[in-house]
Amino acid sequence: MRSANELGLIPYVIQREGEDAAPDNLLMTSIGAGRYRLYYADEEPQDRDLRGTLWARCSFNPVDADQRPTGKPQWRLMHPYRQMMTMQAMRCQVCAGRARTPLGFIFLAGPGAVNTEHVPVLTNQPPVCARHVRAAVRLCPHLDGRPVVFLAQSAPLYGVHGVIYGYGDGGVHVVDQPDAPLPYGHPNLSTFLASQLVRRLGSFRVVDLDELLRALSAAA
């Protein structure tokens, strides 16, 4: 049987060669009392997510006949906009189709990447549909073939990963890159440039991959 790689399956969220950071044209304006707002000089509505946070720009390669991105995959990078759109709409990171399964939403994490005992459990990895669980495990380098599997009944929006901008003698520039995502409502989001959307897993349980696949097969 041909593997997913041989069939040319590449997850939708993966960034491709030729898709690079676009000119940012970033500016800042005062919004009173020592607070500022970051914006693009030529900003368009799609430059912000549903909560109004500014998003890092990245170019897009042409799509193929199936409307899939083209170009050699950069396996360890997710395209900022495609990551945001799949997370925002709860779409599968592999096919961009609906991710909800009869059992709930499936989220995968690399071994040791998430402390399952730490609350809240946060993820920047979009969900996976039932059809593409196996493919995601085979294809995603960060999963290392042995993922931690979360079966969640809900996954509300939490916040964003990215960088904080400030203004100095050299103009607008990055002043901080927080290790943890900033939750929505954080005061620094007005000068934040996001690159990954983060959700909080709610009402979840950690299951064995084989157990999940058997349950999905029984529910089909």
Foldseek 3Di string as FASTA:
>chain_A
DDACVVVVFDFQFFDAPVWAFDDAQWAWDDPDDPAIFIDHPPDDPLQAAPLGFGATDIDFAAADPVRGGDHHTPQVDTFLSLLRVCQVQLAARRPRHHQAAPQAWKDWAAVPPWDPPDPFTKDLGRTHHLVCPVVCLVRHVRNVNFIWIKHANDWAWFFFFFFFWDQDPVGIDTDDGDPDGDGPPDSRSSRTHGRTTMITGDRMDTDGPVVVNVVRVVRD
